[in-house]
């Protein structure tokens, strides 16, 4: 019963719920953005940035190893610092869009004869 009441509430208030999700996500993103620590190692002088290291990775694992490493580093960067704020904003926008589009009211049921139930303009046979 509680689940049906929740579904009815969300269907009736889907714009407000989606707006609330979007607002909360943007507010959280603002907090993250302004409280994020500055990025560490501003010179970028890590050992994995050298050509020798990349060459050794390519020798042992091939081009796929180097590409997988670069992809992993780029995805890991989305979850730290100010980039996390943009990630949270994007995910909250996607969630709000999903709530808004999934919980839209269903169309009225149609009889096999083609008449819409509750519609008195066509006689039901």
C-alpha atoms as a PDB file:
ATOM      1  CA  UNK A   1       0.000   0.000   0.000  1.00  0.00           C
ATOM      2  CA  UNK A   2       2.811   2.378   0.887  1.00  0.00           C
ATOM      3  CA  UNK A   3       4.574   1.696  -2.410  1.00  0.00           C
ATOM      4  CA  UNK A   4       1.395   2.446  -4.382  1.00  0.00           C
ATOM      5  CA  UNK A   5       0.915   5.707  -2.459  1.00  0.00           C
ATOM      6  CA  UNK A   6       4.523   6.669  -3.183  1.00  0.00           C
ATOM      7  CA  UNK A   7       4.082   5.916  -6.898  1.00  0.00           C
ATOM      8  CA  UNK A   8       0.889   8.000  -6.995  1.00  0.00           C
ATOM      9  CA  UNK A   9       2.651  10.860  -5.202  1.00  0.00           C
ATOM     10  CA  UNK A  10       5.597  10.797  -7.599  1.00  0.00           C
ATOM     11  CA  UNK A  11       3.335  10.610 -10.652  1.00  0.00           C
ATOM     12  CA  UNK A  12       1.278  13.539  -9.444  1.00  0.00           C
ATOM     13  CA  UNK A  13       4.287  15.619  -8.400  1.00  0.00           C
ATOM     14  CA  UNK A  14       6.895  14.520 -10.925  1.00  0.00           C
ATOM     15  CA  UNK A  15       7.862  18.082 -11.898  1.00  0.00           C
ATOM     16  CA  UNK A  16       8.419  19.080  -8.278  1.00  0.00           C
ATOM     17  CA  UNK A  17      10.354  15.883  -7.515  1.00  0.00           C
ATOM     18  CA  UNK A  18      12.563  16.288 -10.591  1.00  0.00           C
ATOM     19  CA  UNK A  19      13.135  19.947  -9.738  1.00  0.00           C
ATOM     20  CA  UNK A  20      14.010  19.027  -6.158  1.00  0.00           C
ATOM     21  CA  UNK A  21      16.535  16.463  -7.328  1.00  0.00           C
ATOM     22  CA  UNK A  22      18.078  18.972  -9.703  1.00  0.00           C
ATOM     23  CA  UNK A  23      18.180  21.691  -7.036  1.00  0.00           C
ATOM     24  CA  UNK A  24      19.739  19.377  -4.427  1.00  0.00           C
ATOM     25  CA  UNK A  25      22.327  18.151  -6.931  1.00  0.00           C
ATOM     26  CA  UNK A  26      23.288  21.681  -7.964  1.00  0.00           C
ATOM     27  CA  UNK A  27      23.476  22.821  -4.334  1.00  0.00           C
ATOM     28  CA  UNK A  28      25.723  19.878  -3.474  1.00  0.00           C
ATOM     29  CA  UNK A  29      27.868  20.617  -6.528  1.00  0.00           C
ATOM     30  CA  UNK A  30      28.302  24.241  -5.426  1.00  0.00           C
ATOM     31  CA  UNK A  31      29.386  23.129  -1.961  1.00  0.00           C
ATOM     32  CA  UNK A  32      31.845  20.643  -3.476  1.00  0.00           C
ATOM     33  CA  UNK A  33      33.188  23.196  -5.938  1.00  0.00           C
ATOM     34  CA  UNK A  34      33.916  25.871  -3.333  1.00  0.00           C
ATOM     35  CA  UNK A  35      35.306  23.513  -0.690  1.00  0.00           C
ATOM     36  CA  UNK A  36      37.465  21.389  -2.988  1.00  0.00           C
ATOM     37  CA  UNK A  37      41.165  21.351  -2.221  1.00  0.00           C
ATOM     38  CA  UNK A  38      43.529  22.573  -4.918  1.00  0.00           C
ATOM     39  CA  UNK A  39      44.929  19.836  -7.135  1.00  0.00           C
ATOM     40  CA  UNK A  40      48.078  18.196  -5.837  1.00  0.00           C
ATOM     41  CA  UNK A  41      51.376  18.081  -7.714  1.00  0.00           C
ATOM     42  CA  UNK A  42      50.906  21.198  -9.867  1.00  0.00           C
ATOM     43  CA  UNK A  43      53.985  20.409 -11.944  1.00  0.00           C
ATOM     44  CA  UNK A  44      52.671  17.009 -12.963  1.00  0.00           C
ATOM     45  CA  UNK A  45      56.061  15.406 -12.400  1.00  0.00           C
ATOM     46  CA  UNK A  46      54.809  11.933 -11.534  1.00  0.00           C
ATOM     47  CA  UNK A  47      56.812   8.923 -12.737  1.00  0.00           C
ATOM     48  CA  UNK A  48      53.894   7.744 -14.876  1.00  0.00           C
ATOM     49  CA  UNK A  49      54.124  10.904 -16.978  1.00  0.00           C
ATOM     50  CA  UNK A  50      57.549  10.078 -18.384  1.00  0.00           C
ATOM     51  CA  UNK A  51      58.057   8.692 -21.880  1.00  0.00           C
ATOM     52  CA  UNK A  52      60.188   5.843 -20.499  1.00  0.00           C
ATOM     53  CA  UNK A  53      57.342   4.646 -18.275  1.00  0.00           C
ATOM     54  CA  UNK A  54      54.807   4.813 -21.118  1.00  0.00           C
ATOM     55  CA  UNK A  55      57.215   2.975 -23.421  1.00  0.00           C
ATOM     56  CA  UNK A  56      57.684   0.184 -20.875  1.00  0.00           C
ATOM     57  CA  UNK A  57      53.916  -0.088 -20.423  1.00  0.00           C
ATOM     58  CA  UNK A  58      53.540  -0.374 -24.195  1.00  0.00           C
ATOM     59  CA  UNK A  59      56.275  -3.016 -24.414  1.00  0.00           C
ATOM     60  CA  UNK A  60      54.694  -5.245 -21.763  1.00  0.00           C
ATOM     61  CA  UNK A  61      51.015  -4.719 -22.488  1.00  0.00           C
ATOM     62  CA  UNK A  62      50.779  -3.165 -25.929  1.00  0.00           C
ATOM     63  CA  UNK A  63      48.846  -0.103 -27.022  1.00  0.00           C
ATOM     64  CA  UNK A  64      45.731  -1.392 -25.256  1.00  0.00           C
ATOM     65  CA  UNK A  65      47.571  -1.228 -21.927  1.00  0.00           C
ATOM     66  CA  UNK A  66      48.514   2.415 -22.480  1.00  0.00           C
ATOM     67  CA  UNK A  67      44.972   3.311 -23.607  1.00  0.00           C
ATOM     68  CA  UNK A  68      43.434   1.499 -20.625  1.00  0.00           C
ATOM     69  CA  UNK A  69      45.776   3.351 -18.282  1.00  0.00           C
ATOM     70  CA  UNK A  70      44.876   6.730 -19.789  1.00  0.00           C
ATOM     71  CA  UNK A  71      41.142   5.949 -19.663  1.00  0.00           C
ATOM     72  CA  UNK A  72      41.396   4.833 -16.044  1.00  0.00           C
ATOM     73  CA  UNK A  73      43.259   8.010 -15.092  1.00  0.00           C
ATOM     74  CA  UNK A  74      40.708  10.240 -16.837  1.00  0.00           C
ATOM     75  CA  UNK A  75      37.766   8.477 -15.177  1.00  0.00           C
ATOM     76  CA  UNK A  76      39.476   8.582 -11.779  1.00  0.00           C
ATOM     77  CA  UNK A  77      39.940  12.329 -12.208  1.00  0.00           C
ATOM     78  CA  UNK A  78      36.163  12.823 -12.393  1.00  0.00           C
ATOM     79  CA  UNK A  79      35.786  11.854  -8.736  1.00  0.00           C
ATOM     80  CA  UNK A  80      38.231  14.351  -7.177  1.00  0.00           C
ATOM     81  CA  UNK A  81      38.307  18.079  -6.566  1.00  0.00           C
ATOM     82  CA  UNK A  82      36.385  20.531  -8.673  1.00  0.00           C
ATOM     83  CA  UNK A  83      35.739  17.977 -11.415  1.00  0.00           C
ATOM     84  CA  UNK A  84      33.566  16.118  -8.890  1.00  0.00           C
ATOM     85  CA  UNK A  85      31.257  19.137  -8.756  1.00  0.00           C
ATOM     86  CA  UNK A  86      30.646  18.927 -12.492  1.00  0.00           C
ATOM     87  CA  UNK A  87      30.143  15.156 -12.241  1.00  0.00           C
ATOM     88  CA  UNK A  88      27.541  15.603  -9.482  1.00  0.00           C
ATOM     89  CA  UNK A  89      25.747  18.270 -11.534  1.00  0.00           C
ATOM     90  CA  UNK A  90      25.610  16.032 -14.600  1.00  0.00           C
ATOM     91  CA  UNK A  91      24.431  12.987 -12.657  1.00  0.00           C
ATOM     92  CA  UNK A  92      21.709  14.964 -10.872  1.00  0.00           C
ATOM     93  CA  UNK A  93      20.508  16.382 -14.197  1.00  0.00           C
ATOM     94  CA  UNK A  94      20.338  12.862 -15.658  1.00  0.00           C
ATOM     95  CA  UNK A  95      18.470  11.575 -12.608  1.00  0.00           C
ATOM     96  CA  UNK A  96      16.007  14.479 -12.737  1.00  0.00           C
ATOM     97  CA  UNK A  97      15.415  13.859 -16.439  1.00  0.00           C
ATOM     98  CA  UNK A  98      14.860  10.160 -15.770  1.00  0.00           C
ATOM     99  CA  UNK A  99      12.344  10.867 -12.987  1.00  0.00           C
ATOM    100  CA  UNK A 100      10.539  13.415 -15.131  1.00  0.00           C
ATOM    101  CA  UNK A 101      10.289  11.097 -18.147  1.00  0.00           C
ATOM    102  CA  UNK A 102       9.686   7.743 -16.432  1.00  0.00           C
ATOM    103  CA  UNK A 103       6.900   8.879 -14.103  1.00  0.00           C
ATOM    104  CA  UNK A 104       4.727  10.475 -16.746  1.00  0.00           C
ATOM    105  CA  UNK A 105       1.009   9.588 -16.624  1.00  0.00           C
ATOM    106  CA  UNK A 106      -0.052   6.617 -18.706  1.00  0.00           C
ATOM    107  CA  UNK A 107      -2.464   7.138 -21.606  1.00  0.00           C
ATOM    108  CA  UNK A 108      -6.032   5.937 -21.071  1.00  0.00           C
ATOM    109  CA  UNK A 109      -6.610   2.257 -21.890  1.00  0.00           C
ATOM    110  CA  UNK A 110      -8.072   1.389 -25.296  1.00  0.00           C
ATOM    111  CA  UNK A 111     -10.703  -1.290 -25.908  1.00  0.00           C
ATOM    112  CA  UNK A 112     -10.001  -3.906 -28.575  1.00  0.00           C
ATOM    113  CA  UNK A 113     -12.747  -2.268 -30.654  1.00  0.00           C
ATOM    114  CA  UNK A 114     -10.778   0.964 -30.799  1.00  0.00           C
ATOM    115  CA  UNK A 115     -12.830   3.056 -28.387  1.00  0.00           C
ATOM    116  CA  UNK A 116     -11.186   4.707 -25.427  1.00  0.00           C
ATOM    117  CA  UNK A 117     -12.782   3.779 -22.121  1.00  0.00           C
ATOM    118  CA  UNK A 118     -14.609   6.678 -20.599  1.00  0.00           C
ATOM    119  CA  UNK A 119     -14.982   8.361 -24.011  1.00  0.00           C
ATOM    120  CA  UNK A 120     -18.697   8.677 -24.842  1.00  0.00           C
ATOM    121  CA  UNK A 121     -18.183   9.905 -28.421  1.00  0.00           C
ATOM    122  CA  UNK A 122     -17.838   6.367 -29.832  1.00  0.00           C
ATOM    123  CA  UNK A 123     -20.258   3.595 -28.948  1.00  0.00           C
ATOM    124  CA  UNK A 124     -18.614   0.486 -27.561  1.00  0.00           C
ATOM    125  CA  UNK A 125     -19.741  -2.689 -29.329  1.00  0.00           C
END
